C-alpha atoms as a PDB file:
ATOM      1  CA  MET A   1     -33.739   0.757 -22.852  1.00  0.00           C
ATOM      2  CA  ASP A   2     -35.511   3.572 -20.900  1.00  0.00           C
ATOM      3  CA  LYS A   3     -33.587   1.855 -17.487  1.00  0.00           C
ATOM      4  CA  ALA A   4     -30.411   1.783 -18.925  1.00  0.00           C
ATOM      5  CA  TYR A   5     -29.964   5.232 -19.678  1.00  0.00           C
ATOM      6  CA  ALA A   6     -31.440   5.682 -16.625  1.00  0.00           C
ATOM      7  CA  LEU A   7     -28.367   3.827 -14.793  1.00  0.00           C
ATOM      8  CA  LEU A   8     -26.195   5.498 -17.449  1.00  0.00           C
ATOM      9  CA  ILE A   9     -27.039   8.978 -16.303  1.00  0.00           C
ATOM     10  CA  LYS A  10     -26.727   8.291 -12.684  1.00  0.00           C
ATOM     11  CA  ARG A  11     -23.553   6.462 -12.854  1.00  0.00           C
ATOM     12  CA  GLN A  12     -22.021   9.648 -14.645  1.00  0.00           C
ATOM     13  CA  ASN A  13     -23.384  11.860 -12.199  1.00  0.00           C
ATOM     14  CA  ILE A  14     -21.481   9.139  -9.397  1.00  0.00           C
ATOM     15  CA  ALA A  15     -18.229  10.147 -11.263  1.00  0.00           C
ATOM     16  CA  ASP A  16     -18.563  13.868 -11.573  1.00  0.00           C
ATOM     17  CA  GLU A  17     -16.211  16.073  -9.521  1.00  0.00           C
ATOM     18  CA  ASN A  18     -18.980  18.644  -8.591  1.00  0.00           C
ATOM     19  CA  ASN A  19     -21.389  16.212  -6.917  1.00  0.00           C
ATOM     20  CA  ASP A  20     -18.536  14.158  -5.013  1.00  0.00           C
ATOM     21  CA  PRO A  21     -18.497  15.938  -1.199  1.00  0.00           C
ATOM     22  CA  ASN A  22     -14.856  14.589  -0.819  1.00  0.00           C
ATOM     23  CA  VAL A  23     -13.707  16.492  -3.295  1.00  0.00           C
ATOM     24  CA  GLY A  24     -13.727  19.791  -1.485  1.00  0.00           C
ATOM     25  CA  LYS A  25     -12.267  18.406   1.881  1.00  0.00           C
ATOM     26  CA  ALA A  26      -8.981  17.033  -0.115  1.00  0.00           C
ATOM     27  CA  ARG A  27      -8.419  20.346  -1.341  1.00  0.00           C
ATOM     28  CA  GLY A  28      -9.071  21.988   2.036  1.00  0.00           C
ATOM     29  CA  VAL A  29      -5.504  20.919   3.390  1.00  0.00           C
ATOM     30  CA  SER A  30      -3.771  23.865   4.841  1.00  0.00           C
ATOM     31  CA  THR A  31       0.199  24.671   4.808  1.00  0.00           C
ATOM     32  CA  GLU A  32      -0.426  25.011   8.330  1.00  0.00           C
ATOM     33  CA  ALA A  33      -1.649  20.925   8.765  1.00  0.00           C
ATOM     34  CA  PHE A  34       1.399  19.789   6.428  1.00  0.00           C
ATOM     35  CA  VAL A  35       4.082  21.651   8.472  1.00  0.00           C
ATOM     36  CA  SER A  36       2.091  20.496  11.963  1.00  0.00           C
ATOM     37  CA  THR A  37       2.369  17.228  10.655  1.00  0.00           C
ATOM     38  CA  LEU A  38       5.924  17.267   9.813  1.00  0.00           C
ATOM     39  CA  ILE A  39       6.787  18.676  12.917  1.00  0.00           C
ATOM     40  CA  VAL A  40       5.435  15.862  14.995  1.00  0.00           C
ATOM     41  CA  ASN A  41       6.712  13.482  12.297  1.00  0.00           C
ATOM     42  CA  LEU A  42       9.985  14.997  12.840  1.00  0.00           C
ATOM     43  CA  VAL A  43       9.571  14.771  16.535  1.00  0.00           C
ATOM     44  CA  VAL A  44       9.057  11.132  16.726  1.00  0.00           C
ATOM     45  CA  PHE A  45      11.958  10.515  14.250  1.00  0.00           C
ATOM     46  CA  ALA A  46      14.353  12.158  16.558  1.00  0.00           C
ATOM     47  CA  VAL A  47      13.218  10.281  19.818  1.00  0.00           C
ATOM     48  CA  LEU A  48      13.672   6.665  17.573  1.00  0.00           C
ATOM     49  CA  PHE A  49      17.039   7.678  16.343  1.00  0.00           C
ATOM     50  CA  LEU A  50      17.669   8.859  19.781  1.00  0.00           C
ATOM     51  CA  ILE A  51      16.753   5.188  21.147  1.00  0.00           C
ATOM     52  CA  PHE A  52      18.513   3.369  18.422  1.00  0.00           C
ATOM     53  CA  ALA A  53      22.032   5.399  19.338  1.00  0.00           C
ATOM     54  CA  VAL A  54      21.444   4.389  23.029  1.00  0.00           C
ATOM     55  CA  LEU A  55      20.926   1.104  22.523  1.00  0.00           C
ATOM     56  CA  ARG A  56      23.783   0.685  19.913  1.00  0.00           C
ATOM     57  CA  ARG A  57      26.258   2.069  22.055  1.00  0.00           C
ATOM     58  CA  SER A  58      24.898  -0.460  25.057  1.00  0.00           C
ATOM     59  CA  ASN A  59      24.503  -3.588  22.614  1.00  0.00           C
ATOM     60  CA  ARG A  60      27.727  -3.477  20.906  1.00  0.00           C
ATOM     61  CA  ARG A  61      27.447  -7.278  19.802  1.00  0.00           C
ATOM     62  CA  ILE A  62      24.202  -6.804  18.245  1.00  0.00           C
ATOM     63  CA  TYR A  63      24.698  -3.301  16.351  1.00  0.00           C
ATOM     64  CA  ALA A  64      28.407  -3.895  15.860  1.00  0.00           C
ATOM     65  CA  PRO A  65      29.523  -5.543  12.161  1.00  0.00           C
ATOM     66  CA  ARG A  66      30.737  -8.723  11.639  1.00  0.00           C
ATOM     67  CA  THR A  67      33.301  -8.442   9.624  1.00  0.00           C
ATOM     68  CA  TYR A  68      34.965  -5.013   8.112  1.00  0.00           C
ATOM     69  CA  VAL A  69      35.506  -4.993   4.443  1.00  0.00           C
ATOM     70  CA  SER A  70      39.253  -4.598   4.595  1.00  0.00           C
ATOM     71  CA  ALA A  71      39.409  -8.073   5.540  1.00  0.00           C
ATOM     72  CA  TYR A  72      38.570  -9.588   2.751  1.00  0.00           C
ATOM     73  CA  PRO A  73      40.309  -9.799  -0.412  1.00  0.00           C
ATOM     74  CA  LEU A  74      39.117  -7.630  -3.425  1.00  0.00           C
ATOM     75  CA  ALA A  75      37.860 -10.545  -5.258  1.00  0.00           C
ATOM     76  CA  ARG A  76      35.453 -11.744  -2.423  1.00  0.00           C
ATOM     77  CA  ARG A  77      34.259  -7.895  -2.176  1.00  0.00           C
ATOM     78  CA  THR A  78      30.814  -7.598  -3.361  1.00  0.00           C
END
């Protein structure tokens, strides 16, 4: 019974937020870190979108639509 109680106390200490060393690190995320990450991701997005736009114009066969909506009768459109 004594071992079970000790194990239970040990388990409660593990789940305690105040004893967890990772809790403080998660609270320390600053606005600067968020903004810098956002800027980096926007730059990556812009580069990839630019590559797509260039490839879309040079590879019209791949990126062009196969059919146009106006070519189908109303009954066949989904």
